[in-house]
């Protein structure tokens, strides 16, 4: 049985390549598989096409000002961040294309993290420590690397994304990885595609689930 109610999906692309990108192709495959489970309400955020701004002093000052006391300039400084946070809050599933550049996420993806990891919006501090506010969501990382093995000691990309998503309350994170594809690229990509079904196995596939 498939869903009748649309699943809200936020797709995030970060590869600098618009053509020939392994992560974009792998993310396409994940999205296609998601579409087979039922209707989707898709938001696409291409960070390479429209890079998020970097944090600056004006943004930090605005963020730590009480919302009721923010000036027009402060609200403008947070406008992009507010949009990105709203997209994240609205999503049931977040699909992130994660290319590995120099063992880490691309700079545009780190900039996105800096825009959405906001106290009182996506996490909060309590007497027991930080608490993520984006619970009940699912994330799938479509990861590709030329030589870095996923989960190895030199993989600083997927553990970072897992941690920051968990920090915001998104603890159900799967990785679909076409890693070390500089050797046997076709085989690595085929193997990654074969794991997509497992990554989607725990999604709600019907409205009564």
N, C-alpha and C. Protein backbone atom coordinates (compact mmCIF):
# COMPACT_ATOMS: atom_id res chain seq x y z
N UNK A 1 0.85 -1.19 0.00
CA UNK A 1 0.00 0.00 0.00
C UNK A 1 0.89 1.24 0.00
N UNK A 2 0.56 2.20 -0.84
CA UNK A 2 1.32 3.43 -0.88
C UNK A 2 0.56 4.55 -0.19
N UNK A 3 1.25 5.64 0.03
CA UNK A 3 0.64 6.78 0.71
C UNK A 3 -0.34 7.51 -0.21
N UNK A 4 -1.40 8.06 0.37
CA UNK A 4 -2.26 8.98 -0.36
C UNK A 4 -1.89 10.43 -0.03
N UNK A 5 -1.36 10.62 1.17
CA UNK A 5 -0.96 11.95 1.61
C UNK A 5 0.45 12.25 1.13
N UNK A 6 0.69 13.42 0.51
CA UNK A 6 2.04 13.73 0.02
C UNK A 6 3.06 13.78 1.15
N UNK A 7 4.24 13.27 0.87
CA UNK A 7 5.37 13.34 1.78
C UNK A 7 6.17 14.59 1.43
N UNK A 8 6.43 15.43 2.42
CA UNK A 8 7.19 16.65 2.18
C UNK A 8 8.69 16.33 2.18
N UNK A 9 9.34 16.57 1.04
CA UNK A 9 10.74 16.23 0.88
C UNK A 9 11.55 17.48 0.53
N UNK A 10 12.61 17.71 1.27
CA UNK A 10 13.56 18.78 0.97
C UNK A 10 14.78 18.15 0.34
N UNK A 11 15.03 18.49 -0.91
CA UNK A 11 16.22 18.01 -1.60
C UNK A 11 17.27 19.11 -1.59
N UNK A 12 18.48 18.77 -1.13
CA UNK A 12 19.58 19.72 -1.08
C UNK A 12 20.72 19.21 -1.94
N UNK A 13 21.09 19.99 -2.94
CA UNK A 13 22.23 19.67 -3.79
C UNK A 13 23.39 20.60 -3.44
N UNK A 14 24.60 20.03 -3.41
CA UNK A 14 25.76 20.82 -3.02
C UNK A 14 26.93 20.68 -3.97
N UNK A 15 26.82 19.79 -4.96
CA UNK A 15 27.94 19.58 -5.87
C UNK A 15 28.16 20.81 -6.74
N UNK A 16 29.42 21.16 -6.92
CA UNK A 16 29.76 22.27 -7.81
C UNK A 16 29.46 21.92 -9.26
N UNK A 17 29.34 20.64 -9.56
CA UNK A 17 29.02 20.20 -10.93
C UNK A 17 27.51 20.17 -11.13
N UNK A 18 27.07 20.75 -12.23
CA UNK A 18 25.66 20.62 -12.59
C UNK A 18 25.44 19.46 -13.55
N UNK A 19 26.50 19.05 -14.25
CA UNK A 19 26.44 17.85 -15.10
C UNK A 19 27.62 16.96 -14.72
N UNK A 20 27.41 15.66 -14.85
CA UNK A 20 28.47 14.72 -14.51
C UNK A 20 28.70 14.55 -13.03
N UNK A 21 27.75 14.99 -12.21
CA UNK A 21 27.88 14.89 -10.76
C UNK A 21 27.35 13.55 -10.27
N UNK A 22 28.18 12.79 -9.59
CA UNK A 22 27.75 11.50 -9.04
C UNK A 22 26.70 11.72 -7.95
N UNK A 23 26.90 12.73 -7.10
CA UNK A 23 25.92 12.95 -6.03
C UNK A 23 24.57 13.39 -6.57
N UNK A 24 24.57 14.24 -7.58
CA UNK A 24 23.29 14.66 -8.16
C UNK A 24 22.57 13.47 -8.79
N UNK A 25 23.31 12.63 -9.50
CA UNK A 25 22.70 11.45 -10.10
C UNK A 25 22.18 10.49 -9.03
N UNK A 26 22.96 10.32 -7.96
CA UNK A 26 22.53 9.42 -6.89
C UNK A 26 21.32 10.01 -6.16
N UNK A 27 21.31 11.30 -5.97
CA UNK A 27 20.16 11.95 -5.35
C UNK A 27 18.92 11.82 -6.22
N UNK A 28 19.10 11.94 -7.55
CA UNK A 28 17.99 11.69 -8.47
C UNK A 28 17.40 10.30 -8.24
N UNK A 29 18.28 9.32 -8.05
CA UNK A 29 17.83 7.94 -7.86
C UNK A 29 17.05 7.80 -6.55
N UNK A 30 17.53 8.45 -5.50
CA UNK A 30 16.82 8.43 -4.21
C UNK A 30 15.44 9.07 -4.37
N UNK A 31 15.39 10.20 -5.05
CA UNK A 31 14.11 10.89 -5.23
C UNK A 31 13.15 10.05 -6.05
N UNK A 32 13.65 9.37 -7.07
CA UNK A 32 12.80 8.51 -7.88
C UNK A 32 12.23 7.37 -7.01
N UNK A 33 13.08 6.78 -6.18
CA UNK A 33 12.61 5.71 -5.30
C UNK A 33 11.58 6.23 -4.30
N UNK A 34 11.79 7.43 -3.79
CA UNK A 34 10.81 8.03 -2.88
C UNK A 34 9.48 8.23 -3.59
N UNK A 35 9.55 8.68 -4.85
CA UNK A 35 8.32 8.91 -5.60
C UNK A 35 7.51 7.65 -5.81
N UNK A 36 8.17 6.51 -5.82
CA UNK A 36 7.46 5.25 -6.00
C UNK A 36 6.68 4.84 -4.76
N UNK A 37 6.94 5.50 -3.62
CA UNK A 37 6.21 5.17 -2.39
C UNK A 37 4.90 5.95 -2.28
N UNK A 38 4.70 6.94 -3.15
CA UNK A 38 3.50 7.75 -3.08
C UNK A 38 3.80 9.18 -3.49
N UNK A 39 2.81 10.06 -3.42
CA UNK A 39 3.01 11.44 -3.86
C UNK A 39 4.01 12.19 -2.97
N UNK A 40 4.74 13.11 -3.60
CA UNK A 40 5.73 13.91 -2.89
C UNK A 40 5.43 15.40 -3.07
N UNK A 41 5.71 16.15 -2.05
CA UNK A 41 5.70 17.62 -2.11
C UNK A 41 7.17 18.03 -1.98
N UNK A 42 7.80 18.38 -3.10
CA UNK A 42 9.25 18.53 -3.15
C UNK A 42 9.68 20.00 -3.14
N UNK A 43 10.65 20.30 -2.29
CA UNK A 43 11.34 21.58 -2.32
C UNK A 43 12.79 21.30 -2.67
N UNK A 44 13.31 21.99 -3.68
CA UNK A 44 14.70 21.79 -4.10
C UNK A 44 15.51 23.01 -3.70
N UNK A 45 16.61 22.76 -3.04
CA UNK A 45 17.54 23.83 -2.64
C UNK A 45 18.90 23.48 -3.24
N UNK A 46 19.27 24.18 -4.30
CA UNK A 46 20.56 23.96 -4.96
C UNK A 46 21.56 24.98 -4.41
N UNK A 47 22.39 24.52 -3.51
CA UNK A 47 23.33 25.41 -2.83
C UNK A 47 24.45 25.89 -3.74
N UNK A 48 24.77 25.10 -4.77
CA UNK A 48 25.81 25.52 -5.70
C UNK A 48 25.30 26.64 -6.60
N UNK A 49 24.03 26.56 -7.00
CA UNK A 49 23.46 27.59 -7.86
C UNK A 49 23.21 28.88 -7.09
N UNK A 50 22.77 28.74 -5.84
CA UNK A 50 22.50 29.91 -4.99
C UNK A 50 23.16 29.67 -3.64
N UNK A 51 24.44 30.01 -3.52
CA UNK A 51 25.16 29.74 -2.27
C UNK A 51 24.59 30.57 -1.11
N UNK A 52 24.43 29.95 0.06
CA UNK A 52 24.00 30.72 1.23
C UNK A 52 25.08 31.73 1.61
N UNK A 53 24.67 32.83 2.23
CA UNK A 53 25.69 33.80 2.68
C UNK A 53 26.49 33.22 3.84
N UNK A 54 27.69 33.74 4.00
CA UNK A 54 28.50 33.34 5.14
C UNK A 54 28.08 34.13 6.37
N UNK A 55 28.29 33.53 7.53
CA UNK A 55 28.01 34.25 8.77
C UNK A 55 28.88 35.50 8.86
N UNK A 56 28.27 36.59 9.33
CA UNK A 56 29.05 37.80 9.58
C UNK A 56 28.55 38.43 10.87
N UNK A 57 29.14 39.53 11.25
CA UNK A 57 28.81 40.16 12.53
C UNK A 57 27.36 40.61 12.58
N UNK A 58 26.84 41.13 11.46
CA UNK A 58 25.46 41.60 11.43
C UNK A 58 24.49 40.43 11.66
N UNK A 59 24.79 39.28 11.04
CA UNK A 59 23.92 38.11 11.21
C UNK A 59 23.93 37.65 12.66
N UNK A 60 25.11 37.55 13.24
CA UNK A 60 25.22 37.09 14.62
C UNK A 60 24.49 38.03 15.57
N UNK A 61 24.67 39.33 15.38
CA UNK A 61 23.98 40.30 16.24
C UNK A 61 22.47 40.16 16.09
N UNK A 62 21.98 40.02 14.86
CA UNK A 62 20.55 39.89 14.63
C UNK A 62 20.00 38.61 15.25
N UNK A 63 20.74 37.52 15.11
CA UNK A 63 20.28 36.24 15.61
C UNK A 63 20.12 36.23 17.12
N UNK A 64 21.00 36.96 17.80
CA UNK A 64 20.95 36.97 19.26
C UNK A 64 20.16 38.15 19.82
N UNK A 65 19.47 38.86 18.96
CA UNK A 65 18.55 39.90 19.39
C UNK A 65 17.16 39.32 19.52
N UNK A 66 16.44 39.68 20.57
CA UNK A 66 15.07 39.20 20.74
C UNK A 66 14.27 39.50 19.48
N UNK A 67 13.54 38.51 18.94
CA UNK A 67 12.79 38.74 17.71
C UNK A 67 11.88 39.97 17.75
N UNK A 68 11.29 40.24 18.91
CA UNK A 68 10.40 41.39 19.03
C UNK A 68 11.14 42.71 18.94
N UNK A 69 12.45 42.68 19.12
CA UNK A 69 13.24 43.92 19.14
C UNK A 69 14.13 44.07 17.92
N UNK A 70 14.00 43.18 16.94
CA UNK A 70 14.85 43.27 15.76
C UNK A 70 14.44 44.42 14.85
N UNK A 71 15.44 45.12 14.39
CA UNK A 71 15.21 46.21 13.44
C UNK A 71 14.96 45.64 12.05
N UNK A 72 14.57 46.51 11.13
CA UNK A 72 14.39 46.07 9.74
C UNK A 72 15.70 45.52 9.19
N UNK A 73 16.81 46.15 9.55
CA UNK A 73 18.12 45.67 9.09
C UNK A 73 18.43 44.29 9.66
N UNK A 74 18.08 44.07 10.92
CA UNK A 74 18.33 42.76 11.54
C UNK A 74 17.48 41.68 10.88
N UNK A 75 16.22 42.00 10.60
CA UNK A 75 15.35 41.02 9.94
C UNK A 75 15.86 40.71 8.54
N UNK A 76 16.38 41.71 7.87
CA UNK A 76 16.94 41.49 6.53
C UNK A 76 18.17 40.59 6.60
N UNK A 77 18.98 40.79 7.65
CA UNK A 77 20.19 39.98 7.80
C UNK A 77 19.87 38.50 7.99
N UNK A 78 18.70 38.22 8.56
CA UNK A 78 18.29 36.84 8.84
C UNK A 78 17.34 36.27 7.80
N UNK A 79 17.04 37.03 6.76
CA UNK A 79 15.99 36.62 5.81
C UNK A 79 16.30 35.29 5.14
N UNK A 80 17.52 35.12 4.64
CA UNK A 80 17.87 33.86 3.99
C UNK A 80 17.83 32.72 4.99
N UNK A 81 18.39 32.95 6.15
CA UNK A 81 18.38 31.93 7.20
C UNK A 81 16.96 31.53 7.56
N UNK A 82 16.06 32.50 7.70
CA UNK A 82 14.68 32.21 8.03
C UNK A 82 14.03 31.33 6.97
N UNK A 83 14.33 31.60 5.71
CA UNK A 83 13.77 30.80 4.62
C UNK A 83 14.29 29.37 4.68
N UNK A 84 15.60 29.21 4.89
CA UNK A 84 16.19 27.88 4.94
C UNK A 84 15.69 27.09 6.15
N UNK A 85 15.54 27.76 7.27
CA UNK A 85 15.00 27.09 8.46
C UNK A 85 13.56 26.65 8.22
N UNK A 86 12.77 27.49 7.58
CA UNK A 86 11.37 27.15 7.30
C UNK A 86 11.28 25.93 6.38
N UNK A 87 12.17 25.86 5.38
CA UNK A 87 12.19 24.69 4.50
C UNK A 87 12.50 23.43 5.28
N UNK A 88 13.45 23.52 6.19
CA UNK A 88 13.86 22.35 6.97
C UNK A 88 12.74 21.93 7.92
N UNK A 89 12.09 22.88 8.56
CA UNK A 89 11.00 22.57 9.48
C UNK A 89 9.83 21.91 8.75
N UNK A 90 9.58 22.31 7.53
CA UNK A 90 8.42 21.81 6.79
C UNK A 90 8.63 20.40 6.24
N UNK A 91 9.86 19.95 6.17
CA UNK A 91 10.16 18.67 5.51
C UNK A 91 9.93 17.48 6.43
N UNK A 92 9.37 16.42 5.85
CA UNK A 92 9.33 15.12 6.54
C UNK A 92 10.63 14.36 6.32
N UNK A 93 11.18 14.49 5.11
CA UNK A 93 12.40 13.80 4.73
C UNK A 93 13.34 14.82 4.09
N UNK A 94 14.60 14.77 4.48
CA UNK A 94 15.63 15.63 3.90
C UNK A 94 16.61 14.74 3.16
N UNK A 95 16.78 14.99 1.87
CA UNK A 95 17.71 14.24 1.04
C UNK A 95 18.86 15.18 0.68
N UNK A 96 20.05 14.86 1.14
CA UNK A 96 21.21 15.74 0.96
C UNK A 96 22.24 15.09 0.06
N UNK A 97 22.53 15.72 -1.05
CA UNK A 97 23.64 15.29 -1.89
C UNK A 97 24.94 15.73 -1.26
N UNK A 98 25.78 14.77 -0.91
CA UNK A 98 26.99 15.05 -0.14
C UNK A 98 28.24 14.63 -0.90
N UNK A 99 28.77 15.51 -1.74
CA UNK A 99 30.07 15.22 -2.33
C UNK A 99 31.16 15.47 -1.29
N UNK A 100 32.22 14.71 -1.36
CA UNK A 100 33.33 14.88 -0.42
C UNK A 100 34.44 15.66 -1.11
N UNK A 101 34.70 16.86 -0.62
CA UNK A 101 35.77 17.70 -1.14
C UNK A 101 36.86 17.80 -0.07
N UNK A 102 38.02 17.28 -0.38
CA UNK A 102 39.13 17.36 0.58
C UNK A 102 38.73 16.79 1.93
N UNK A 103 38.06 15.63 1.89
CA UNK A 103 37.69 14.83 3.07
C UNK A 103 36.52 15.42 3.86
N UNK A 104 35.90 16.48 3.38
CA UNK A 104 34.87 17.18 4.15
C UNK A 104 33.73 17.62 3.25
N UNK A 105 32.64 18.14 3.81
CA UNK A 105 31.55 18.64 2.97
C UNK A 105 31.99 19.88 2.20
N UNK A 106 31.34 20.18 1.08
CA UNK A 106 31.62 21.42 0.36
C UNK A 106 31.34 22.65 1.23
N UNK A 107 32.01 23.73 0.93
CA UNK A 107 31.84 24.96 1.71
C UNK A 107 30.39 25.45 1.70
N UNK A 108 29.69 25.27 0.55
CA UNK A 108 28.31 25.75 0.50
C UNK A 108 27.40 24.96 1.43
N UNK A 109 27.72 23.68 1.66
CA UNK A 109 26.92 22.88 2.58
C UNK A 109 27.19 23.29 4.02
N UNK A 110 28.44 23.59 4.33
CA UNK A 110 28.74 24.12 5.68
C UNK A 110 28.05 25.46 5.89
N UNK A 111 28.00 26.30 4.85
CA UNK A 111 27.32 27.58 4.97
C UNK A 111 25.82 27.37 5.23
N UNK A 112 25.23 26.36 4.58
CA UNK A 112 23.82 26.04 4.85
C UNK A 112 23.63 25.62 6.31
N UNK A 113 24.54 24.79 6.81
CA UNK A 113 24.46 24.37 8.21
C UNK A 113 24.48 25.59 9.12
N UNK A 114 25.37 26.53 8.85
CA UNK A 114 25.48 27.72 9.69
C UNK A 114 24.21 28.56 9.65
N UNK A 115 23.47 28.48 8.54
CA UNK A 115 22.22 29.23 8.42
C UNK A 115 21.06 28.58 9.16
N UNK A 116 21.10 27.23 9.30
CA UNK A 116 19.94 26.53 9.88
C UNK A 116 20.15 26.06 11.31
N UNK A 117 21.38 25.95 11.76
CA UNK A 117 21.63 25.52 13.15
C UNK A 117 21.52 26.74 14.05
N UNK A 118 20.32 27.04 14.49
CA UNK A 118 20.03 28.26 15.24
C UNK A 118 19.35 27.95 16.56
N UNK A 119 19.93 28.46 17.63
CA UNK A 119 19.31 28.31 18.94
C UNK A 119 17.92 28.94 18.92
N UNK A 120 16.98 28.25 19.57
CA UNK A 120 15.58 28.63 19.68
C UNK A 120 14.78 28.37 18.41
N UNK A 121 15.46 27.99 17.34
CA UNK A 121 14.76 27.67 16.10
C UNK A 121 14.85 26.18 15.78
N UNK A 122 16.06 25.65 15.75
CA UNK A 122 16.24 24.23 15.43
C UNK A 122 16.85 23.44 16.59
N UNK A 123 17.30 24.14 17.61
CA UNK A 123 17.74 23.50 18.85
C UNK A 123 17.61 24.51 19.97
N UNK A 124 17.69 24.01 21.19
CA UNK A 124 17.65 24.91 22.35
C UNK A 124 18.55 24.36 23.44
N UNK A 125 18.97 25.24 24.31
CA UNK A 125 19.78 24.84 25.45
C UNK A 125 18.88 24.66 26.66
N UNK A 126 19.08 23.55 27.36
CA UNK A 126 18.32 23.26 28.57
C UNK A 126 19.29 22.99 29.72
N UNK A 127 18.75 22.80 30.90
CA UNK A 127 19.60 22.49 32.05
C UNK A 127 20.33 21.17 31.86
N UNK A 128 19.77 20.29 31.03
CA UNK A 128 20.39 18.99 30.77
C UNK A 128 21.30 19.02 29.55
N UNK A 129 21.40 20.17 28.91
CA UNK A 129 22.23 20.28 27.71
C UNK A 129 21.40 20.65 26.49
N UNK A 130 22.01 20.69 25.30
CA UNK A 130 21.27 21.07 24.09
C UNK A 130 20.23 20.03 23.71
N UNK A 131 19.12 20.51 23.15
CA UNK A 131 18.03 19.64 22.73
C UNK A 131 17.62 20.01 21.31
N UNK A 132 17.62 19.03 20.41
CA UNK A 132 17.18 19.27 19.05
C UNK A 132 15.68 19.44 18.97
N UNK A 133 15.23 20.36 18.13
CA UNK A 133 13.81 20.67 18.01
C UNK A 133 13.17 20.08 16.75
N UNK A 134 13.97 19.47 15.88
CA UNK A 134 13.44 18.96 14.61
C UNK A 134 13.25 17.45 14.67
N UNK A 135 12.55 16.99 15.66
CA UNK A 135 12.35 15.55 15.84
C UNK A 135 11.30 15.04 14.86
N UNK A 136 11.31 13.71 14.67
CA UNK A 136 10.31 13.08 13.82
C UNK A 136 10.58 13.16 12.34
N UNK A 137 11.77 13.60 11.97
CA UNK A 137 12.14 13.72 10.56
C UNK A 137 13.14 12.62 10.20
N UNK A 138 13.35 12.45 8.90
CA UNK A 138 14.28 11.45 8.39
C UNK A 138 15.21 12.10 7.41
N UNK A 139 16.47 11.73 7.42
CA UNK A 139 17.45 12.28 6.47
C UNK A 139 18.16 11.15 5.75
N UNK A 140 18.42 11.38 4.48
CA UNK A 140 19.18 10.44 3.66
C UNK A 140 20.32 11.22 3.02
N UNK A 141 21.55 10.77 3.24
CA UNK A 141 22.72 11.40 2.65
C UNK A 141 23.13 10.60 1.42
N UNK A 142 23.09 11.24 0.26
CA UNK A 142 23.56 10.62 -0.98
C UNK A 142 25.00 11.08 -1.18
N UNK A 143 25.92 10.25 -0.75
CA UNK A 143 27.32 10.63 -0.63
C UNK A 143 28.16 10.03 -1.75
N UNK A 144 29.11 10.81 -2.24
CA UNK A 144 30.05 10.30 -3.24
C UNK A 144 31.43 10.85 -2.95
N UNK A 145 32.43 10.02 -3.19
CA UNK A 145 33.81 10.45 -2.99
C UNK A 145 34.70 9.76 -4.00
N UNK A 146 35.78 10.43 -4.35
CA UNK A 146 36.73 9.83 -5.27
C UNK A 146 37.60 8.78 -4.61
N UNK A 147 38.08 9.06 -3.39
CA UNK A 147 38.99 8.14 -2.74
C UNK A 147 38.73 7.90 -1.27
N UNK A 148 37.82 8.67 -0.68
CA UNK A 148 37.54 8.54 0.76
C UNK A 148 36.52 7.44 1.02
N UNK A 149 36.85 6.51 1.88
CA UNK A 149 35.92 5.45 2.25
C UNK A 149 34.94 5.97 3.29
N UNK A 150 33.66 5.77 3.05
CA UNK A 150 32.64 6.21 3.99
C UNK A 150 32.83 5.56 5.36
N UNK A 151 32.82 6.38 6.39
CA UNK A 151 32.96 5.88 7.75
C UNK A 151 34.38 5.60 8.18
N UNK A 152 35.34 5.88 7.30
CA UNK A 152 36.74 5.64 7.65
C UNK A 152 37.30 6.79 8.48
N UNK A 153 38.54 6.63 8.91
CA UNK A 153 39.16 7.66 9.74
C UNK A 153 39.37 8.97 9.01
N UNK A 154 39.34 8.94 7.68
CA UNK A 154 39.55 10.18 6.92
C UNK A 154 38.24 10.73 6.35
N UNK A 155 37.11 10.13 6.75
CA UNK A 155 35.81 10.65 6.35
C UNK A 155 35.33 11.65 7.38
N UNK A 156 35.50 12.93 7.08
CA UNK A 156 35.03 13.99 7.97
C UNK A 156 33.73 14.60 7.46
N UNK A 157 33.14 14.00 6.43
CA UNK A 157 31.93 14.54 5.82
C UNK A 157 30.67 13.92 6.42
N UNK A 158 30.52 12.59 6.27
CA UNK A 158 29.29 11.97 6.76
C UNK A 158 29.16 12.01 8.29
N UNK A 159 30.22 11.81 9.09
CA UNK A 159 30.04 11.94 10.54
C UNK A 159 29.63 13.36 10.94
N UNK A 160 30.17 14.35 10.25
CA UNK A 160 29.80 15.74 10.57
C UNK A 160 28.33 15.97 10.30
N UNK A 161 27.84 15.56 9.11
CA UNK A 161 26.43 15.76 8.80
C UNK A 161 25.54 14.98 9.75
N UNK A 162 25.92 13.74 10.07
CA UNK A 162 25.14 12.96 11.04
C UNK A 162 25.05 13.71 12.38
N UNK A 163 26.19 14.24 12.81
CA UNK A 163 26.22 14.91 14.11
C UNK A 163 25.36 16.17 14.11
N UNK A 164 25.52 17.00 13.10
CA UNK A 164 24.79 18.27 13.10
C UNK A 164 23.30 18.04 12.93
N UNK A 165 22.91 17.05 12.12
CA UNK A 165 21.50 16.74 11.99
C UNK A 165 20.95 16.22 13.32
N UNK A 166 21.70 15.34 13.97
CA UNK A 166 21.29 14.84 15.28
C UNK A 166 21.21 15.94 16.31
N UNK A 167 22.12 16.90 16.24
CA UNK A 167 22.11 18.03 17.16
C UNK A 167 20.81 18.82 17.03
N UNK A 168 20.26 18.85 15.82
CA UNK A 168 19.00 19.56 15.59
C UNK A 168 17.79 18.65 15.78
N UNK A 169 18.03 17.39 16.17
CA UNK A 169 16.93 16.48 16.48
C UNK A 169 16.63 15.46 15.41
N UNK A 170 17.38 15.47 14.30
CA UNK A 170 17.15 14.52 13.21
C UNK A 170 18.14 13.37 13.38
N UNK A 171 17.71 12.35 14.08
CA UNK A 171 18.61 11.25 14.43
C UNK A 171 18.48 10.05 13.51
N UNK A 172 17.42 10.00 12.72
CA UNK A 172 17.21 8.89 11.79
C UNK A 172 17.87 9.25 10.46
N UNK A 173 19.14 8.90 10.31
CA UNK A 173 19.93 9.31 9.15
C UNK A 173 20.52 8.07 8.48
N UNK A 174 20.28 7.94 7.19
CA UNK A 174 20.85 6.86 6.39
C UNK A 174 21.84 7.44 5.39
N UNK A 175 22.85 6.64 5.05
CA UNK A 175 23.85 7.06 4.07
C UNK A 175 23.82 6.10 2.89
N UNK A 176 23.63 6.65 1.72
CA UNK A 176 23.73 5.89 0.47
C UNK A 176 25.02 6.37 -0.19
N UNK A 177 26.03 5.53 -0.25
CA UNK A 177 27.38 6.01 -0.60
C UNK A 177 27.95 5.35 -1.83
N UNK A 178 28.36 6.18 -2.77
CA UNK A 178 29.17 5.74 -3.91
C UNK A 178 30.58 6.25 -3.63
N UNK A 179 31.24 5.60 -2.68
CA UNK A 179 32.55 6.09 -2.24
C UNK A 179 33.68 5.43 -3.03
N UNK A 180 34.82 6.08 -3.04
CA UNK A 180 36.04 5.59 -3.71
C UNK A 180 35.75 5.26 -5.18
N UNK A 181 34.97 6.12 -5.84
CA UNK A 181 34.55 5.78 -7.20
C UNK A 181 35.60 6.12 -8.25
N UNK A 182 36.76 6.61 -7.83
CA UNK A 182 37.83 6.81 -8.81
C UNK A 182 38.34 5.47 -9.34
N UNK A 183 38.06 4.41 -8.61
CA UNK A 183 38.31 3.05 -9.10
C UNK A 183 36.97 2.34 -9.21
N UNK A 184 36.73 1.69 -10.33
CA UNK A 184 35.49 0.93 -10.55
C UNK A 184 34.26 1.80 -10.33
N UNK A 185 34.23 2.96 -10.98
CA UNK A 185 33.15 3.92 -10.75
C UNK A 185 31.77 3.32 -11.00
N UNK A 186 31.58 2.66 -12.12
CA UNK A 186 30.26 2.10 -12.44
C UNK A 186 29.81 1.10 -11.38
N UNK A 187 30.73 0.28 -10.90
CA UNK A 187 30.39 -0.71 -9.88
C UNK A 187 30.02 -0.02 -8.57
N UNK A 188 30.76 1.03 -8.21
CA UNK A 188 30.48 1.74 -6.95
C UNK A 188 29.12 2.41 -7.00
N UNK A 189 28.80 3.02 -8.13
CA UNK A 189 27.51 3.70 -8.26
C UNK A 189 26.37 2.69 -8.25
N UNK A 190 26.56 1.58 -8.96
CA UNK A 190 25.53 0.54 -8.97
C UNK A 190 25.29 -0.02 -7.57
N UNK A 191 26.37 -0.22 -6.83
CA UNK A 191 26.25 -0.74 -5.46
C UNK A 191 25.51 0.25 -4.57
N UNK A 192 25.79 1.54 -4.75
CA UNK A 192 25.10 2.57 -3.96
C UNK A 192 23.61 2.59 -4.27
N UNK A 193 23.28 2.50 -5.55
CA UNK A 193 21.86 2.50 -5.93
C UNK A 193 21.13 1.30 -5.34
N UNK A 194 21.83 0.19 -5.24
CA UNK A 194 21.21 -1.03 -4.71
C UNK A 194 20.86 -0.91 -3.24
N UNK A 195 21.46 0.04 -2.53
CA UNK A 195 21.18 0.21 -1.10
C UNK A 195 20.06 1.20 -0.82
N UNK A 196 19.55 1.85 -1.87
CA UNK A 196 18.52 2.87 -1.66
C UNK A 196 17.27 2.26 -1.02
N UNK A 197 16.89 1.08 -1.45
CA UNK A 197 15.72 0.43 -0.88
C UNK A 197 15.83 0.24 0.62
N UNK A 198 17.01 -0.16 1.07
CA UNK A 198 17.23 -0.32 2.51
C UNK A 198 17.12 1.02 3.22
N UNK A 199 17.62 2.08 2.58
CA UNK A 199 17.57 3.40 3.21
C UNK A 199 16.15 3.90 3.37
N UNK A 200 15.25 3.45 2.49
CA UNK A 200 13.85 3.90 2.55
C UNK A 200 12.95 2.95 3.33
N UNK A 201 13.52 1.83 3.80
CA UNK A 201 12.69 0.75 4.36
C UNK A 201 11.84 1.20 5.55
N UNK A 202 12.34 2.13 6.35
CA UNK A 202 11.59 2.50 7.55
C UNK A 202 10.71 3.71 7.35
N UNK A 203 10.60 4.21 6.10
CA UNK A 203 9.69 5.32 5.85
C UNK A 203 8.25 4.85 5.97
N UNK A 204 7.38 5.78 6.37
CA UNK A 204 5.95 5.47 6.37
C UNK A 204 5.46 5.38 4.95
N UNK A 205 5.01 4.22 4.52
CA UNK A 205 4.59 4.03 3.14
C UNK A 205 3.08 4.13 2.96
N UNK A 206 2.34 4.17 4.05
CA UNK A 206 0.89 4.34 3.91
C UNK A 206 0.39 5.21 5.04
N UNK A 207 -0.77 5.76 4.86
CA UNK A 207 -1.32 6.73 5.81
C UNK A 207 -1.69 6.11 7.14
N UNK A 208 -1.86 4.78 7.18
CA UNK A 208 -2.25 4.13 8.42
C UNK A 208 -1.06 3.63 9.21
N UNK A 209 0.16 3.81 8.68
CA UNK A 209 1.34 3.25 9.34
C UNK A 209 1.60 3.98 10.65
